[in-house]
PDB file of N, CA and C in Angstrom:
ATOM      1  N   UNK A   1      76.994 130.868  57.250  1.00  0.00           N
ATOM      2  CA  UNK A   1      78.084 130.538  58.138  1.00  0.00           C
ATOM      3  C   UNK A   1      79.149 129.785  57.347  1.00  0.00           C
ATOM      4  N   UNK A   2      80.398 130.175  57.549  1.00  0.00           N
ATOM      5  CA  UNK A   2      81.504 129.519  56.855  1.00  0.00           C
ATOM      6  C   UNK A   2      81.904 128.236  57.579  1.00  0.00           C
ATOM      7  N   UNK A   3      82.684 127.414  56.898  1.00  0.00           N
ATOM      8  CA  UNK A   3      83.216 126.194  57.505  1.00  0.00           C
ATOM      9  C   UNK A   3      84.008 126.553  58.752  1.00  0.00           C
ATOM     10  N   UNK A   4      84.788 127.611  58.674  1.00  0.00           N
ATOM     11  CA  UNK A   4      85.605 128.005  59.828  1.00  0.00           C
ATOM     12  C   UNK A   4      84.743 128.459  60.994  1.00  0.00           C
ATOM     13  N   UNK A   5      83.582 129.091  60.712  1.00  0.00           N
ATOM     14  CA  UNK A   5      82.686 129.472  61.796  1.00  0.00           C
ATOM     15  C   UNK A   5      82.255 128.240  62.579  1.00  0.00           C
ATOM     16  N   UNK A   6      81.890 127.193  61.857  1.00  0.00           N
ATOM     17  CA  UNK A   6      81.465 125.959  62.513  1.00  0.00           C
ATOM     18  C   UNK A   6      82.571 125.346  63.338  1.00  0.00           C
ATOM     19  N   UNK A   7      83.771 125.363  62.814  1.00  0.00           N
ATOM     20  CA  UNK A   7      84.904 124.802  63.546  1.00  0.00           C
ATOM     21  C   UNK A   7      85.206 125.636  64.783  1.00  0.00           C
ATOM     22  N   UNK A   8      85.188 126.956  64.653  1.00  0.00           N
ATOM     23  CA  UNK A   8      85.469 127.811  65.807  1.00  0.00           C
ATOM     24  C   UNK A   8      84.462 127.579  66.924  1.00  0.00           C
ATOM     25  N   UNK A   9      83.211 127.333  66.575  1.00  0.00           N
ATOM     26  CA  UNK A   9      82.192 127.101  67.599  1.00  0.00           C
ATOM     27  C   UNK A   9      82.458 125.815  68.365  1.00  0.00           C
ATOM     28  N   UNK A  10      83.210 124.882  67.770  1.00  0.00           N
ATOM     29  CA  UNK A  10      83.523 123.619  68.430  1.00  0.00           C
ATOM     30  C   UNK A  10      84.799 123.674  69.249  1.00  0.00           C
ATOM     31  N   UNK A  11      85.531 124.771  69.198  1.00  0.00           N
ATOM     32  CA  UNK A  11      86.768 124.912  69.968  1.00  0.00           C
ATOM     33  C   UNK A  11      86.450 125.724  71.215  1.00  0.00           C
ATOM     34  N   UNK A  12      86.611 125.109  72.351  1.00  0.00           N
ATOM     35  CA  UNK A  12      86.317 125.779  73.610  1.00  0.00           C
ATOM     36  C   UNK A  12      87.131 127.041  73.796  1.00  0.00           C
ATOM     37  N   UNK A  13      86.467 128.128  74.153  1.00  0.00           N
ATOM     38  CA  UNK A  13      87.145 129.388  74.407  1.00  0.00           C
ATOM     39  C   UNK A  13      87.351 130.257  73.185  1.00  0.00           C
ATOM     40  N   UNK A  14      87.093 129.719  72.001  1.00  0.00           N
ATOM     41  CA  UNK A  14      87.269 130.500  70.772  1.00  0.00           C
ATOM     42  C   UNK A  14      86.068 131.417  70.578  1.00  0.00           C
ATOM     43  N   UNK A  15      86.260 132.529  69.872  1.00  0.00           N
ATOM     44  CA  UNK A  15      85.111 133.374  69.534  1.00  0.00           C
ATOM     45  C   UNK A  15      84.104 132.564  68.713  1.00  0.00           C
ATOM     46  N   UNK A  16      82.851 133.000  68.736  1.00  0.00           N
ATOM     47  CA  UNK A  16      81.777 132.253  68.073  1.00  0.00           C
ATOM     48  C   UNK A  16      81.935 132.135  66.573  1.00  0.00           C
ATOM     49  N   UNK A  17      82.557 133.102  65.938  1.00  0.00           N
ATOM     50  CA  UNK A  17      82.705 133.024  64.490  1.00  0.00           C
ATOM     51  C   UNK A  17      83.860 133.885  64.010  1.00  0.00           C
ATOM     52  N   UNK A  18      84.135 133.765  62.733  1.00  0.00           N
ATOM     53  CA  UNK A  18      85.255 134.484  62.132  1.00  0.00           C
ATOM     54  C   UNK A  18      85.087 135.992  62.281  1.00  0.00           C
ATOM     55  N   UNK A  19      83.877 136.496  62.081  1.00  0.00           N
ATOM     56  CA  UNK A  19      83.644 137.944  62.174  1.00  0.00           C
ATOM     57  C   UNK A  19      83.957 138.466  63.570  1.00  0.00           C
ATOM     58  N   UNK A  20      83.556 137.723  64.597  1.00  0.00           N
ATOM     59  CA  UNK A  20      83.848 138.154  65.971  1.00  0.00           C
ATOM     60  C   UNK A  20      85.339 138.102  66.265  1.00  0.00           C
ATOM     61  N   UNK A  21      86.001 137.073  65.763  1.00  0.00           N
ATOM     62  CA  UNK A  21      87.451 136.974  65.956  1.00  0.00           C
ATOM     63  C   UNK A  21      88.152 138.123  65.251  1.00  0.00           C
ATOM     64  N   UNK A  22      87.724 138.433  64.037  1.00  0.00           N
ATOM     65  CA  UNK A  22      88.319 139.550  63.290  1.00  0.00           C
ATOM     66  C   UNK A  22      88.135 140.867  64.040  1.00  0.00           C
ATOM     67  N   UNK A  23      86.942 141.065  64.573  1.00  0.00           N
ATOM     68  CA  UNK A  23      86.657 142.290  65.324  1.00  0.00           C
ATOM     69  C   UNK A  23      87.514 142.362  66.585  1.00  0.00           C
ATOM     70  N   UNK A  24      87.649 141.224  67.262  1.00  0.00           N
ATOM     71  CA  UNK A  24      88.445 141.159  68.487  1.00  0.00           C
ATOM     72  C   UNK A  24      89.899 141.542  68.225  1.00  0.00           C
ATOM     73  N   UNK A  25      90.442 141.070  67.097  1.00  0.00           N
ATOM     74  CA  UNK A  25      91.844 141.332  66.780  1.00  0.00           C
ATOM     75  C   UNK A  25      92.015 142.656  66.036  1.00  0.00           C
ATOM     76  N   UNK A  26      90.972 143.073  65.333  1.00  0.00           N
ATOM     77  CA  UNK A  26      91.045 144.323  64.579  1.00  0.00           C
ATOM     78  C   UNK A  26      91.549 144.144  63.157  1.00  0.00           C
ATOM     79  N   UNK A  27      91.215 142.982  62.545  1.00  0.00           N
ATOM     80  CA  UNK A  27      91.609 142.734  61.159  1.00  0.00           C
ATOM     81  C   UNK A  27      90.394 142.288  60.354  1.00  0.00           C
ATOM     82  N   UNK A  28      90.567 142.189  59.064  1.00  0.00           N
ATOM     83  CA  UNK A  28      89.516 141.769  58.148  1.00  0.00           C
ATOM     84  C   UNK A  28      89.187 140.282  58.354  1.00  0.00           C
ATOM     85  N   UNK A  29      87.907 139.900  58.274  1.00  0.00           N
ATOM     86  CA  UNK A  29      87.545 138.483  58.407  1.00  0.00           C
ATOM     87  C   UNK A  29      88.259 137.572  57.403  1.00  0.00           C
ATOM     88  N   UNK A  30      88.516 138.055  56.213  1.00  0.00           N
ATOM     89  CA  UNK A  30      89.245 137.264  55.225  1.00  0.00           C
ATOM     90  C   UNK A  30      90.651 136.942  55.693  1.00  0.00           C
ATOM     91  N   UNK A  31      91.272 137.887  56.394  1.00  0.00           N
ATOM     92  CA  UNK A  31      92.614 137.646  56.942  1.00  0.00           C
ATOM     93  C   UNK A  31      92.559 136.592  58.037  1.00  0.00           C
ATOM     94  N   UNK A  32      91.482 136.607  58.830  1.00  0.00           N
ATOM     95  CA  UNK A  32      91.326 135.608  59.886  1.00  0.00           C
ATOM     96  C   UNK A  32      91.205 134.220  59.267  1.00  0.00           C
ATOM     97  N   UNK A  33      90.396 134.093  58.227  1.00  0.00           N
ATOM     98  CA  UNK A  33      90.242 132.798  57.565  1.00  0.00           C
ATOM     99  C   UNK A  33      91.574 132.311  57.001  1.00  0.00           C
ATOM    100  N   UNK A  34      92.313 133.210  56.381  1.00  0.00           N
ATOM    101  CA  UNK A  34      93.632 132.862  55.852  1.00  0.00           C
ATOM    102  C   UNK A  34      94.562 132.422  56.974  1.00  0.00           C
ATOM    103  N   UNK A  35      94.550 133.174  58.073  1.00  0.00           N
ATOM    104  CA  UNK A  35      95.423 132.866  59.213  1.00  0.00           C
ATOM    105  C   UNK A  35      95.094 131.512  59.813  1.00  0.00           C
ATOM    106  N   UNK A  36      93.823 131.254  60.069  1.00  0.00           N
ATOM    107  CA  UNK A  36      93.424 129.995  60.692  1.00  0.00           C
ATOM    108  C   UNK A  36      93.764 128.817  59.793  1.00  0.00           C
ATOM    109  N   UNK A  37      93.494 128.962  58.530  1.00  0.00           N
ATOM    110  CA  UNK A  37      93.794 127.889  57.585  1.00  0.00           C
ATOM    111  C   UNK A  37      95.298 127.604  57.555  1.00  0.00           C
ATOM    112  N   UNK A  38      96.099 128.645  57.453  1.00  0.00           N
ATOM    113  CA  UNK A  38      97.557 128.480  57.403  1.00  0.00           C
ATOM    114  C   UNK A  38      98.092 127.914  58.713  1.00  0.00           C
ATOM    115  N   UNK A  39      97.572 128.368  59.824  1.00  0.00           N
ATOM    116  CA  UNK A  39      98.025 127.864  61.121  1.00  0.00           C
ATOM    117  C   UNK A  39      97.670 126.388  61.288  1.00  0.00           C
ATOM    118  N   UNK A  40      96.491 126.015  60.830  1.00  0.00           N
ATOM    119  CA  UNK A  40      96.089 124.613  60.905  1.00  0.00           C
ATOM    120  C   UNK A  40      96.986 123.714  60.070  1.00  0.00           C
ATOM    121  N   UNK A  41      97.357 124.201  58.882  1.00  0.00           N
ATOM    122  CA  UNK A  41      98.241 123.416  58.008  1.00  0.00           C
ATOM    123  C   UNK A  41      99.663 123.362  58.553  1.00  0.00           C
ATOM    124  N   UNK A  42     100.198 124.493  58.962  1.00  0.00           N
ATOM    125  CA  UNK A  42     101.603 124.546  59.379  1.00  0.00           C
ATOM    126  C   UNK A  42     101.829 123.930  60.754  1.00  0.00           C
ATOM    127  N   UNK A  43     100.781 123.817  61.543  1.00  0.00           N
ATOM    128  CA  UNK A  43     100.912 123.209  62.867  1.00  0.00           C
ATOM    129  C   UNK A  43     101.380 121.759  62.757  1.00  0.00           C
ATOM    130  N   UNK A  44     101.060 121.114  61.652  1.00  0.00           N
ATOM    131  CA  UNK A  44     101.432 119.718  61.451  1.00  0.00           C
ATOM    132  C   UNK A  44     102.853 119.561  60.910  1.00  0.00           C
ATOM    133  N   UNK A  45     103.482 120.664  60.532  1.00  0.00           N
ATOM    134  CA  UNK A  45     104.811 120.612  59.935  1.00  0.00           C
ATOM    135  C   UNK A  45     105.903 120.771  60.989  1.00  0.00           C
ATOM    136  N   UNK A  46     107.099 120.384  60.632  1.00  0.00           N
ATOM    137  CA  UNK A  46     108.267 120.569  61.492  1.00  0.00           C
ATOM    138  C   UNK A  46     108.641 122.046  61.490  1.00  0.00           C
ATOM    139  N   UNK A  47     108.852 122.624  62.647  1.00  0.00           N
ATOM    140  CA  UNK A  47     109.236 124.025  62.752  1.00  0.00           C
ATOM    141  C   UNK A  47     108.218 124.821  63.540  1.00  0.00           C
ATOM    142  N   UNK A  48     108.458 126.114  63.648  1.00  0.00           N
ATOM    143  CA  UNK A  48     107.580 127.010  64.396  1.00  0.00           C
ATOM    144  C   UNK A  48     106.318 127.289  63.595  1.00  0.00           C
ATOM    145  N   UNK A  49     105.178 126.961  64.147  1.00  0.00           N
ATOM    146  CA  UNK A  49     103.894 127.099  63.464  1.00  0.00           C
ATOM    147  C   UNK A  49     103.654 128.515  62.966  1.00  0.00           C
ATOM    148  N   UNK A  50     103.845 129.490  63.843  1.00  0.00           N
ATOM    149  CA  UNK A  50     103.564 130.891  63.488  1.00  0.00           C
ATOM    150  C   UNK A  50     104.522 131.381  62.407  1.00  0.00           C
ATOM    151  N   UNK A  51     105.798 131.074  62.547  1.00  0.00           N
ATOM    152  CA  UNK A  51     106.770 131.520  61.543  1.00  0.00           C
ATOM    153  C   UNK A  51     106.477 130.898  60.176  1.00  0.00           C
ATOM    154  N   UNK A  52     106.147 129.615  60.153  1.00  0.00           N
ATOM    155  CA  UNK A  52     105.817 128.958  58.884  1.00  0.00           C
ATOM    156  C   UNK A  52     104.560 129.562  58.257  1.00  0.00           C
ATOM    157  N   UNK A  53     103.547 129.824  59.078  1.00  0.00           N
ATOM    158  CA  UNK A  53     102.312 130.426  58.570  1.00  0.00           C
ATOM    159  C   UNK A  53     102.580 131.837  58.056  1.00  0.00           C
ATOM    160  N   UNK A  54     103.450 132.572  58.740  1.00  0.00           N
ATOM    161  CA  UNK A  54     103.793 133.934  58.291  1.00  0.00           C
ATOM    162  C   UNK A  54     104.474 133.883  56.924  1.00  0.00           C
ATOM    163  N   UNK A  55     105.371 132.924  56.744  1.00  0.00           N
ATOM    164  CA  UNK A  55     106.058 132.782  55.455  1.00  0.00           C
ATOM    165  C   UNK A  55     105.077 132.427  54.340  1.00  0.00           C
ATOM    166  N   UNK A  56     104.098 131.582  54.637  1.00  0.00           N
ATOM    167  CA  UNK A  56     103.158 131.129  53.619  1.00  0.00           C
ATOM    168  C   UNK A  56     102.111 132.185  53.269  1.00  0.00           C
ATOM    169  N   UNK A  57     101.759 133.036  54.234  1.00  0.00           N
ATOM    170  CA  UNK A  57     100.652 133.980  54.015  1.00  0.00           C
ATOM    171  C   UNK A  57     101.078 135.428  53.846  1.00  0.00           C
ATOM    172  N   UNK A  58     102.244 135.773  54.377  1.00  0.00           N
ATOM    173  CA  UNK A  58     102.649 137.173  54.373  1.00  0.00           C
ATOM    174  C   UNK A  58     102.053 137.952  55.540  1.00  0.00           C
ATOM    175  N   UNK A  59     101.258 137.284  56.382  1.00  0.00           N
ATOM    176  CA  UNK A  59     100.716 137.935  57.571  1.00  0.00           C
ATOM    177  C   UNK A  59     101.812 138.043  58.619  1.00  0.00           C
ATOM    178  N   UNK A  60     101.735 139.058  59.441  1.00  0.00           N
ATOM    179  CA  UNK A  60     102.776 139.247  60.449  1.00  0.00           C
ATOM    180  C   UNK A  60     102.653 138.199  61.561  1.00  0.00           C
ATOM    181  N   UNK A  61     103.795 137.794  62.114  1.00  0.00           N
ATOM    182  CA  UNK A  61     103.749 136.863  63.248  1.00  0.00           C
ATOM    183  C   UNK A  61     102.931 137.407  64.416  1.00  0.00           C
ATOM    184  N   UNK A  62     102.931 138.724  64.609  1.00  0.00           N
ATOM    185  CA  UNK A  62     102.148 139.326  65.691  1.00  0.00           C
ATOM    186  C   UNK A  62     100.661 139.032  65.501  1.00  0.00           C
ATOM    187  N   UNK A  63     100.147 139.239  64.291  1.00  0.00           N
ATOM    188  CA  UNK A  63      98.737 138.959  63.995  1.00  0.00           C
ATOM    189  C   UNK A  63      98.454 137.471  64.181  1.00  0.00           C
ATOM    190  N   UNK A  64      99.331 136.630  63.666  1.00  0.00           N
ATOM    191  CA  UNK A  64      99.131 135.187  63.778  1.00  0.00           C
ATOM    192  C   UNK A  64      99.151 134.736  65.237  1.00  0.00           C
ATOM    193  N   UNK A  65     100.038 135.310  66.042  1.00  0.00           N
ATOM    194  CA  UNK A  65     100.060 134.977  67.476  1.00  0.00           C
ATOM    195  C   UNK A  65      98.770 135.406  68.161  1.00  0.00           C
ATOM    196  N   UNK A  66      98.212 136.542  67.748  1.00  0.00           N
ATOM    197  CA  UNK A  66      96.934 136.982  68.308  1.00  0.00           C
ATOM    198  C   UNK A  66      95.816 135.998  67.956  1.00  0.00           C
ATOM    199  N   UNK A  67      95.839 135.493  66.722  1.00  0.00           N
ATOM    200  CA  UNK A  67      94.835 134.508  66.302  1.00  0.00           C
ATOM    201  C   UNK A  67      94.990 133.235  67.126  1.00  0.00           C
ATOM    202  N   UNK A  68      96.221 132.766  67.278  1.00  0.00           N
ATOM    203  CA  UNK A  68      96.471 131.557  68.074  1.00  0.00           C
ATOM    204  C   UNK A  68      95.934 131.742  69.491  1.00  0.00           C
ATOM    205  N   UNK A  69      96.236 132.874  70.104  1.00  0.00           N
ATOM    206  CA  UNK A  69      95.761 133.143  71.462  1.00  0.00           C
ATOM    207  C   UNK A  69      94.241 133.193  71.518  1.00  0.00           C
ATOM    208  N   UNK A  70      93.630 133.843  70.541  1.00  0.00           N
ATOM    209  CA  UNK A  70      92.175 134.018  70.536  1.00  0.00           C
ATOM    210  C   UNK A  70      91.422 132.705  70.360  1.00  0.00           C
ATOM    211  N   UNK A  71      92.017 131.748  69.654  1.00  0.00           N
ATOM    212  CA  UNK A  71      91.313 130.480  69.459  1.00  0.00           C
ATOM    213  C   UNK A  71      91.666 129.442  70.521  1.00  0.00           C
ATOM    214  N   UNK A  72      92.491 129.825  71.482  1.00  0.00           N
ATOM    215  CA  UNK A  72      92.754 128.941  72.601  1.00  0.00           C
ATOM    216  C   UNK A  72      94.141 128.346  72.657  1.00  0.00           C
ATOM    217  N   UNK A  73      95.073 128.868  71.876  1.00  0.00           N
ATOM    218  CA  UNK A  73      96.454 128.421  71.953  1.00  0.00           C
ATOM    219  C   UNK A  73      96.787 127.262  71.041  1.00  0.00           C
ATOM    220  N   UNK A  74      98.013 126.762  71.214  1.00  0.00           N
ATOM    221  CA  UNK A  74      98.536 125.685  70.365  1.00  0.00           C
ATOM    222  C   UNK A  74      97.662 124.427  70.414  1.00  0.00           C
ATOM    223  N   UNK A  75      97.101 124.121  71.574  1.00  0.00           N
ATOM    224  CA  UNK A  75      96.255 122.936  71.699  1.00  0.00           C
ATOM    225  C   UNK A  75      95.047 123.015  70.779  1.00  0.00           C
ATOM    226  N   UNK A  76      94.500 124.198  70.612  1.00  0.00           N
ATOM    227  CA  UNK A  76      93.363 124.371  69.712  1.00  0.00           C
ATOM    228  C   UNK A  76      93.780 124.172  68.265  1.00  0.00           C
ATOM    229  N   UNK A  77      95.017 124.509  67.936  1.00  0.00           N
ATOM    230  CA  UNK A  77      95.495 124.284  66.571  1.00  0.00           C
ATOM    231  C   UNK A  77      95.556 122.790  66.260  1.00  0.00           C
ATOM    232  N   UNK A  78      95.951 121.992  67.241  1.00  0.00           N
ATOM    233  CA  UNK A  78      95.973 120.549  67.043  1.00  0.00           C
ATOM    234  C   UNK A  78      94.562 120.052  66.772  1.00  0.00           C
ATOM    235  N   UNK A  79      93.614 120.532  67.563  1.00  0.00           N
ATOM    236  CA  UNK A  79      92.208 120.153  67.381  1.00  0.00           C
ATOM    237  C   UNK A  79      91.709 120.607  66.018  1.00  0.00           C
ATOM    238  N   UNK A  80      92.022 121.841  65.656  1.00  0.00           N
ATOM    239  CA  UNK A  80      91.593 122.399  64.378  1.00  0.00           C
ATOM    240  C   UNK A  80      92.187 121.611  63.214  1.00  0.00           C
ATOM    241  N   UNK A  81      93.476 121.317  63.292  1.00  0.00           N
ATOM    242  CA  UNK A  81      94.138 120.584  62.211  1.00  0.00           C
ATOM    243  C   UNK A  81      93.532 119.199  62.050  1.00  0.00           C
ATOM    244  N   UNK A  82      93.234 118.539  63.162  1.00  0.00           N
ATOM    245  CA  UNK A  82      92.654 117.197  63.062  1.00  0.00           C
ATOM    246  C   UNK A  82      91.237 117.245  62.517  1.00  0.00           C
ATOM    247  N   UNK A  83      90.515 118.320  62.803  1.00  0.00           N
ATOM    248  CA  UNK A  83      89.161 118.463  62.258  1.00  0.00           C
ATOM    249  C   UNK A  83      89.203 118.656  60.753  1.00  0.00           C
ATOM    250  N   UNK A  84      90.220 119.357  60.279  1.00  0.00           N
ATOM    251  CA  UNK A  84      90.318 119.605  58.840  1.00  0.00           C
ATOM    252  C   UNK A  84      90.825 118.389  58.076  1.00  0.00           C
ATOM    253  N   UNK A  85      91.720 117.623  58.692  1.00  0.00           N
ATOM    254  CA  UNK A  85      92.307 116.470  58.006  1.00  0.00           C
ATOM    255  C   UNK A  85      91.503 115.219  58.352  1.00  0.00           C
ATOM    256  N   UNK A  86      90.304 115.136  57.817  1.00  0.00           N
ATOM    257  CA  UNK A  86      89.376 114.054  58.136  1.00  0.00           C
ATOM    258  C   UNK A  86      89.909 112.677  57.776  1.00  0.00           C
ATOM    259  N   UNK A  87      90.649 112.561  56.662  1.00  0.00           N
ATOM    260  CA  UNK A  87      91.113 111.239  56.245  1.00  0.00           C
ATOM    261  C   UNK A  87      92.483 110.883  56.825  1.00  0.00           C
ATOM    262  N   UNK A  88      93.073 111.793  57.609  1.00  0.00           N
ATOM    263  CA  UNK A  88      94.320 111.506  58.303  1.00  0.00           C
ATOM    264  C   UNK A  88      95.533 111.337  57.419  1.00  0.00           C
ATOM    265  N   UNK A  89      95.493 111.914  56.205  1.00  0.00           N
ATOM    266  CA  UNK A  89      96.630 111.747  55.294  1.00  0.00           C
ATOM    267  C   UNK A  89      97.710 112.802  55.489  1.00  0.00           C
ATOM    268  N   UNK A  90      97.525 113.687  56.477  1.00  0.00           N
ATOM    269  CA  UNK A  90      98.521 114.722  56.748  1.00  0.00           C
ATOM    270  C   UNK A  90      98.308 115.988  55.950  1.00  0.00           C
ATOM    271  N   UNK A  91      97.345 115.992  55.055  1.00  0.00           N
ATOM    272  CA  UNK A  91      97.044 117.174  54.253  1.00  0.00           C
ATOM    273  C   UNK A  91      95.551 117.490  54.345  1.00  0.00           C
ATOM    274  N   UNK A  92      95.211 118.646  54.935  1.00  0.00           N
ATOM    275  CA  UNK A  92      93.797 118.989  55.036  1.00  0.00           C
ATOM    276  C   UNK A  92      93.222 119.562  53.741  1.00  0.00           C
ATOM    277  N   UNK A  93      94.067 119.835  52.753  1.00  0.00           N
ATOM    278  CA  UNK A  93      93.606 120.499  51.534  1.00  0.00           C
ATOM    279  C   UNK A  93      92.531 119.684  50.823  1.00  0.00           C
ATOM    280  N   UNK A  94      92.753 118.383  50.642  1.00  0.00           N
ATOM    281  CA  UNK A  94      91.764 117.561  49.954  1.00  0.00           C
ATOM    282  C   UNK A  94      90.460 117.489  50.733  1.00  0.00           C
ATOM    283  N   UNK A  95      90.552 117.489  52.045  1.00  0.00           N
ATOM    284  CA  UNK A  95      89.349 117.431  52.873  1.00  0.00           C
ATOM    285  C   UNK A  95      88.569 118.742  52.823  1.00  0.00           C
ATOM    286  N   UNK A  96      89.288 119.866  52.798  1.00  0.00           N
ATOM    287  CA  UNK A  96      88.630 121.168  52.684  1.00  0.00           C
ATOM    288  C   UNK A  96      87.916 121.271  51.341  1.00  0.00           C
ATOM    289  N   UNK A  97      88.563 120.781  50.294  1.00  0.00           N
ATOM    290  CA  UNK A  97      87.940 120.807  48.965  1.00  0.00           C
ATOM    291  C   UNK A  97      86.670 119.958  48.952  1.00  0.00           C
ATOM    292  N   UNK A  98      86.709 118.805  49.602  1.00  0.00           N
ATOM    293  CA  UNK A  98      85.516 117.959  49.685  1.00  0.00           C
ATOM    294  C   UNK A  98      84.398 118.663  50.435  1.00  0.00           C
ATOM    295  N   UNK A  99      84.746 119.372  51.537  1.00  0.00           N
ATOM    296  CA  UNK A  99      83.737 120.120  52.282  1.00  0.00           C
ATOM    297  C   UNK A  99      83.136 121.219  51.416  1.00  0.00           C
ATOM    298  N   UNK A 100      83.984 121.912  50.679  1.00  0.00           N
ATOM    299  CA  UNK A 100      83.508 122.986  49.803  1.00  0.00           C
ATOM    300  C   UNK A 100      82.579 122.447  48.723  1.00  0.00           C
ATOM    301  N   UNK A 101      82.932 121.298  48.138  1.00  0.00           N
ATOM    302  CA  UNK A 101      82.062 120.683  47.134  1.00  0.00           C
ATOM    303  C   UNK A 101      80.704 120.367  47.732  1.00  0.00           C
ATOM    304  N   UNK A 102      80.707 119.878  48.979  1.00  0.00           N
ATOM    305  CA  UNK A 102      79.457 119.564  49.645  1.00  0.00           C
ATOM    306  C   UNK A 102      78.595 120.785  49.860  1.00  0.00           C
ATOM    307  N   UNK A 103      79.224 121.914  50.143  1.00  0.00           N
ATOM    308  CA  UNK A 103      78.462 123.154  50.325  1.00  0.00           C
ATOM    309  C   UNK A 103      77.782 123.613  49.051  1.00  0.00           C
ATOM    310  N   UNK A 104      78.405 123.310  47.924  1.00  0.00           N
ATOM    311  CA  UNK A 104      77.873 123.757  46.647  1.00  0.00           C
ATOM    312  C   UNK A 104      77.136 122.652  45.909  1.00  0.00           C
ATOM    313  N   UNK A 105      76.910 121.530  46.589  1.00  0.00           N
ATOM    314  CA  UNK A 105      76.132 120.449  45.999  1.00  0.00           C
ATOM    315  C   UNK A 105      76.816 119.684  44.891  1.00  0.00           C
ATOM    316  N   UNK A 106      78.134 119.745  44.847  1.00  0.00           N
ATOM    317  CA  UNK A 106      78.878 119.019  43.821  1.00  0.00           C
ATOM    318  C   UNK A 106      79.450 117.756  44.425  1.00  0.00           C
ATOM    319  N   UNK A 107      79.622 116.735  43.618  1.00  0.00           N
ATOM    320  CA  UNK A 107      80.206 115.506  44.153  1.00  0.00           C
ATOM    321  C   UNK A 107      81.507 115.177  43.461  1.00  0.00           C
TER     322      UNK A 107
END
């Protein structure tokens, strides 16, 4: 199970995992992971979340809007972003890296 699978299971109304969300939307699971990660990061920025995520990933706004809807809307993005940014510094990247290190037993 990926980190995103665990997070999706904690968001009410979201599909159980990345694979189910990908199947629901009709895209590759890797694209779903990219979309969710980008949406979580851009949700904290000034501007339209979907448009910013589209610029950063190259994914279409239509696909990104489908992901937002499938995980429960903008409110779920706030929850997702706060789950990723554990230290509250406004950047989830360092926290994601720490989680990844933990998965691979590195400190």
